[in-house]
Amino acid sequence: MGLDFNKLHEQHQRDIILGQRGETQTKKKIQKYFQNDSFQPTCDFHSFDFFSEELQTFIEVKTRRIKHNRYRSIIFSAHKIQFIKNNPEFDYYFIFNCRDGFFIWKYNPKQYFLSEGGRRDRGKIEKSMVCNVFAEFLKKM
């Protein structure tokens, strides 16, 4: 069974659109949650989606097609943890736009673990190191 490149492309495009919509919807939530409108989008391909110079805070937005507690943990790419370790002077938040609402997690090295993980819905197996945040530490926004 070969790769279905049309399926791969279509799923990837749907994921990009879903992520962009999630970031747009989330900006208002960020302003309300932090009672601050200083968060601005970062440049494309940055490890995080928003930054506030005033608050010295980065935010990453992840949109998921699951409820926040469907699994024991929720994942994102582990390369973001390396960015955090290389830049410890900032605060870091992850916002998960899930089917049951928006959830936030402030980076805490005691509340996650690293493992190999990935996905299989784009016509191939995509594996990498991922950060697993325990669902119990996600707070409803």
C-alpha atoms as a PDB file:
ATOM      1  CA  MET A   1       0.000   0.000   0.000  1.00  0.00           C
ATOM      2  CA  GLY A   2       1.601   3.264  -1.165  1.00  0.00           C
ATOM      3  CA  LEU A   3       1.152   6.769   0.127  1.00  0.00           C
ATOM      4  CA  ASP A   4      -1.939   8.625  -1.011  1.00  0.00           C
ATOM      5  CA  PHE A   5      -0.384  12.048  -1.619  1.00  0.00           C
ATOM      6  CA  ASN A   6      -3.777  13.660  -2.240  1.00  0.00           C
ATOM      7  CA  LYS A   7      -4.988  12.515   1.181  1.00  0.00           C
ATOM      8  CA  LEU A   8      -1.735  13.643   2.759  1.00  0.00           C
ATOM      9  CA  HIS A   9      -2.027  17.071   1.204  1.00  0.00           C
ATOM     10  CA  GLU A  10      -5.735  17.472   2.012  1.00  0.00           C
ATOM     11  CA  GLN A  11      -5.308  16.484   5.671  1.00  0.00           C
ATOM     12  CA  HIS A  12      -2.299  18.746   6.059  1.00  0.00           C
ATOM     13  CA  GLN A  13      -4.262  21.656   4.543  1.00  0.00           C
ATOM     14  CA  ARG A  14      -7.200  20.993   6.891  1.00  0.00           C
ATOM     15  CA  ASP A  15      -4.793  20.975   9.844  1.00  0.00           C
ATOM     16  CA  ILE A  16      -3.265  24.298   8.789  1.00  0.00           C
ATOM     17  CA  ILE A  17      -6.695  25.926   8.421  1.00  0.00           C
ATOM     18  CA  LEU A  18      -7.827  24.514  11.773  1.00  0.00           C
ATOM     19  CA  GLY A  19      -4.703  25.891  13.447  1.00  0.00           C
ATOM     20  CA  GLN A  20      -5.085  29.335  11.894  1.00  0.00           C
ATOM     21  CA  ARG A  21      -8.732  29.564  12.961  1.00  0.00           C
ATOM     22  CA  GLY A  22      -7.726  28.435  16.446  1.00  0.00           C
ATOM     23  CA  GLU A  23      -5.122  31.190  16.744  1.00  0.00           C
ATOM     24  CA  THR A  24      -7.603  33.845  15.593  1.00  0.00           C
ATOM     25  CA  GLN A  25     -10.298  32.693  18.042  1.00  0.00           C
ATOM     26  CA  THR A  26      -7.785  32.434  20.851  1.00  0.00           C
ATOM     27  CA  LYS A  27      -6.390  35.968  20.647  1.00  0.00           C
ATOM     28  CA  LYS A  28      -9.584  37.390  22.189  1.00  0.00           C
ATOM     29  CA  LYS A  29      -9.458  34.735  24.912  1.00  0.00           C
ATOM     30  CA  ILE A  30      -5.827  35.659  25.644  1.00  0.00           C
ATOM     31  CA  GLN A  31      -6.677  39.351  26.000  1.00  0.00           C
ATOM     32  CA  LYS A  32      -9.548  38.563  28.356  1.00  0.00           C
ATOM     33  CA  TYR A  33      -7.634  35.982  30.429  1.00  0.00           C
ATOM     34  CA  PHE A  34      -4.562  38.176  30.941  1.00  0.00           C
ATOM     35  CA  GLN A  35      -6.618  41.416  31.028  1.00  0.00           C
ATOM     36  CA  ASN A  36      -4.046  42.787  28.637  1.00  0.00           C
ATOM     37  CA  ASP A  37      -4.020  43.482  24.914  1.00  0.00           C
ATOM     38  CA  SER A  38      -0.242  43.604  24.427  1.00  0.00           C
ATOM     39  CA  PHE A  39       0.076  40.105  22.923  1.00  0.00           C
ATOM     40  CA  GLN A  40       1.129  40.166  19.288  1.00  0.00           C
ATOM     41  CA  PRO A  41       1.563  37.315  16.809  1.00  0.00           C
ATOM     42  CA  THR A  42       5.153  36.183  16.378  1.00  0.00           C
ATOM     43  CA  CYS A  43       6.714  35.671  12.967  1.00  0.00           C
ATOM     44  CA  ASP A  44       5.971  32.552  10.930  1.00  0.00           C
ATOM     45  CA  PHE A  45       7.920  29.482  12.003  1.00  0.00           C
ATOM     46  CA  HIS A  46       8.577  30.807  15.510  1.00  0.00           C
ATOM     47  CA  SER A  47       8.280  28.225  18.280  1.00  0.00           C
ATOM     48  CA  PHE A  48       5.435  30.201  19.882  1.00  0.00           C
ATOM     49  CA  ASP A  49       2.398  31.975  18.419  1.00  0.00           C
ATOM     50  CA  PHE A  50       2.118  35.120  20.568  1.00  0.00           C
ATOM     51  CA  PHE A  51       4.445  37.297  22.615  1.00  0.00           C
ATOM     52  CA  SER A  52       3.897  40.183  25.012  1.00  0.00           C
ATOM     53  CA  GLU A  53       6.953  42.338  25.537  1.00  0.00           C
ATOM     54  CA  GLU A  54       5.117  44.123  28.346  1.00  0.00           C
ATOM     55  CA  LEU A  55       4.450  40.875  30.234  1.00  0.00           C
ATOM     56  CA  GLN A  56       7.582  39.063  28.990  1.00  0.00           C
ATOM     57  CA  THR A  57       5.352  36.123  28.111  1.00  0.00           C
ATOM     58  CA  PHE A  58       5.114  33.701  25.197  1.00  0.00           C
ATOM     59  CA  ILE A  59       1.960  31.767  24.313  1.00  0.00           C
ATOM     60  CA  GLU A  60       1.569  28.730  22.088  1.00  0.00           C
ATOM     61  CA  VAL A  61      -1.888  27.830  20.775  1.00  0.00           C
ATOM     62  CA  LYS A  62      -2.745  24.219  19.946  1.00  0.00           C
ATOM     63  CA  THR A  63      -6.084  23.265  18.429  1.00  0.00           C
ATOM     64  CA  ARG A  64      -7.178  19.688  19.049  1.00  0.00           C
ATOM     65  CA  ARG A  65     -10.091  17.631  17.719  1.00  0.00           C
ATOM     66  CA  ILE A  66     -10.584  15.943  21.096  1.00  0.00           C
ATOM     67  CA  LYS A  67     -11.871  16.781  24.548  1.00  0.00           C
ATOM     68  CA  HIS A  68      -9.081  18.067  26.771  1.00  0.00           C
ATOM     69  CA  ASN A  69      -9.121  14.988  28.986  1.00  0.00           C
ATOM     70  CA  ARG A  70      -9.703  12.305  26.331  1.00  0.00           C
ATOM     71  CA  TYR A  71      -6.264  10.934  27.186  1.00  0.00           C
ATOM     72  CA  ARG A  72      -4.120  11.031  30.311  1.00  0.00           C
ATOM     73  CA  SER A  73      -2.043  13.776  28.692  1.00  0.00           C
ATOM     74  CA  ILE A  74      -2.163  16.190  25.792  1.00  0.00           C
ATOM     75  CA  ILE A  75       0.878  16.570  23.540  1.00  0.00           C
ATOM     76  CA  PHE A  76       2.891  19.109  21.594  1.00  0.00           C
ATOM     77  CA  SER A  77       6.311  19.054  19.960  1.00  0.00           C
ATOM     78  CA  ALA A  78       9.188  18.713  22.434  1.00  0.00           C
ATOM     79  CA  HIS A  79      11.292  21.274  20.551  1.00  0.00           C
ATOM     80  CA  LYS A  80       9.260  23.948  22.352  1.00  0.00           C
ATOM     81  CA  ILE A  81      10.700  22.750  25.659  1.00  0.00           C
ATOM     82  CA  GLN A  82      14.218  23.307  24.318  1.00  0.00           C
ATOM     83  CA  PHE A  83      13.238  26.879  23.379  1.00  0.00           C
ATOM     84  CA  ILE A  84      11.979  27.407  26.943  1.00  0.00           C
ATOM     85  CA  LYS A  85      15.181  26.031  28.453  1.00  0.00           C
ATOM     86  CA  ASN A  86      17.258  28.279  26.195  1.00  0.00           C
ATOM     87  CA  ASN A  87      15.192  31.343  27.177  1.00  0.00           C
ATOM     88  CA  PRO A  88      14.319  30.933  30.878  1.00  0.00           C
ATOM     89  CA  GLU A  89      13.769  34.652  31.484  1.00  0.00           C
ATOM     90  CA  PHE A  90      10.239  34.530  30.039  1.00  0.00           C
ATOM     91  CA  ASP A  91       6.933  33.036  31.172  1.00  0.00           C
ATOM     92  CA  TYR A  92       5.346  30.421  28.916  1.00  0.00           C
ATOM     93  CA  TYR A  93       1.718  29.390  28.477  1.00  0.00           C
ATOM     94  CA  PHE A  94       0.117  26.786  26.254  1.00  0.00           C
ATOM     95  CA  ILE A  95      -3.507  27.196  25.263  1.00  0.00           C
ATOM     96  CA  PHE A  96      -5.384  24.171  23.983  1.00  0.00           C
ATOM     97  CA  ASN A  97      -8.498  24.858  21.955  1.00  0.00           C
ATOM     98  CA  CYS A  98     -10.336  21.537  22.417  1.00  0.00           C
ATOM     99  CA  ARG A  99     -13.829  20.313  21.621  1.00  0.00           C
ATOM    100  CA  ASP A 100     -14.913  21.026  25.195  1.00  0.00           C
ATOM    101  CA  GLY A 101     -13.441  24.520  25.468  1.00  0.00           C
ATOM    102  CA  PHE A 102     -10.239  26.455  25.875  1.00  0.00           C
ATOM    103  CA  PHE A 103      -7.701  25.230  28.424  1.00  0.00           C
ATOM    104  CA  ILE A 104      -4.476  26.830  29.586  1.00  0.00           C
ATOM    105  CA  TRP A 105      -1.291  25.457  31.094  1.00  0.00           C
ATOM    106  CA  LYS A 106       1.575  27.529  32.477  1.00  0.00           C
ATOM    107  CA  TYR A 107       4.892  25.808  31.851  1.00  0.00           C
ATOM    108  CA  ASN A 108       5.962  23.808  34.881  1.00  0.00           C
ATOM    109  CA  PRO A 109       8.766  21.230  34.507  1.00  0.00           C
ATOM    110  CA  LYS A 110       7.113  18.969  37.097  1.00  0.00           C
ATOM    111  CA  GLN A 111       3.852  18.630  35.156  1.00  0.00           C
ATOM    112  CA  TYR A 112       4.953  16.916  31.958  1.00  0.00           C
ATOM    113  CA  PHE A 113       7.055  14.088  30.561  1.00  0.00           C
ATOM    114  CA  LEU A 114       8.748  13.527  27.216  1.00  0.00           C
ATOM    115  CA  SER A 115       8.129  10.517  24.995  1.00  0.00           C
ATOM    116  CA  GLU A 116       8.084   9.481  21.378  1.00  0.00           C
ATOM    117  CA  GLY A 117       4.728  10.159  19.803  1.00  0.00           C
ATOM    118  CA  GLY A 118       3.046  11.391  16.707  1.00  0.00           C
ATOM    119  CA  ARG A 119       0.210  10.828  14.277  1.00  0.00           C
ATOM    120  CA  ARG A 120      -0.868   8.505  11.477  1.00  0.00           C
ATOM    121  CA  ASP A 121      -3.673  10.403   9.736  1.00  0.00           C
ATOM    122  CA  ARG A 122      -1.666  12.058   6.948  1.00  0.00           C
ATOM    123  CA  GLY A 123      -0.934   8.946   4.904  1.00  0.00           C
ATOM    124  CA  LYS A 124       2.245   8.097   6.795  1.00  0.00           C
ATOM    125  CA  ILE A 125       3.532   7.608  10.324  1.00  0.00           C
ATOM    126  CA  GLU A 126       4.943  10.843  11.742  1.00  0.00           C
ATOM    127  CA  LYS A 127       7.024  10.273  14.888  1.00  0.00           C
ATOM    128  CA  SER A 128       8.997  12.711  16.984  1.00  0.00           C
ATOM    129  CA  MET A 129       9.704  13.571  20.588  1.00  0.00           C
ATOM    130  CA  VAL A 130       6.657  15.111  22.221  1.00  0.00           C
ATOM    131  CA  CYS A 131       5.880  16.821  25.481  1.00  0.00           C
ATOM    132  CA  ASN A 132       2.980  15.204  27.364  1.00  0.00           C
ATOM    133  CA  VAL A 133       1.176  17.572  29.737  1.00  0.00           C
ATOM    134  CA  PHE A 134      -1.005  15.768  32.239  1.00  0.00           C
ATOM    135  CA  ALA A 135      -4.636  16.696  31.563  1.00  0.00           C
ATOM    136  CA  GLU A 136      -5.264  17.284  35.260  1.00  0.00           C
ATOM    137  CA  PHE A 137      -3.043  20.390  35.066  1.00  0.00           C
ATOM    138  CA  LEU A 138      -5.014  22.070  32.282  1.00  0.00           C
ATOM    139  CA  LYS A 139      -7.218  24.887  33.565  1.00  0.00           C
ATOM    140  CA  LYS A 140     -10.438  25.959  31.855  1.00  0.00           C
ATOM    141  CA  MET A 141     -10.220  29.503  30.513  1.00  0.00           C
END
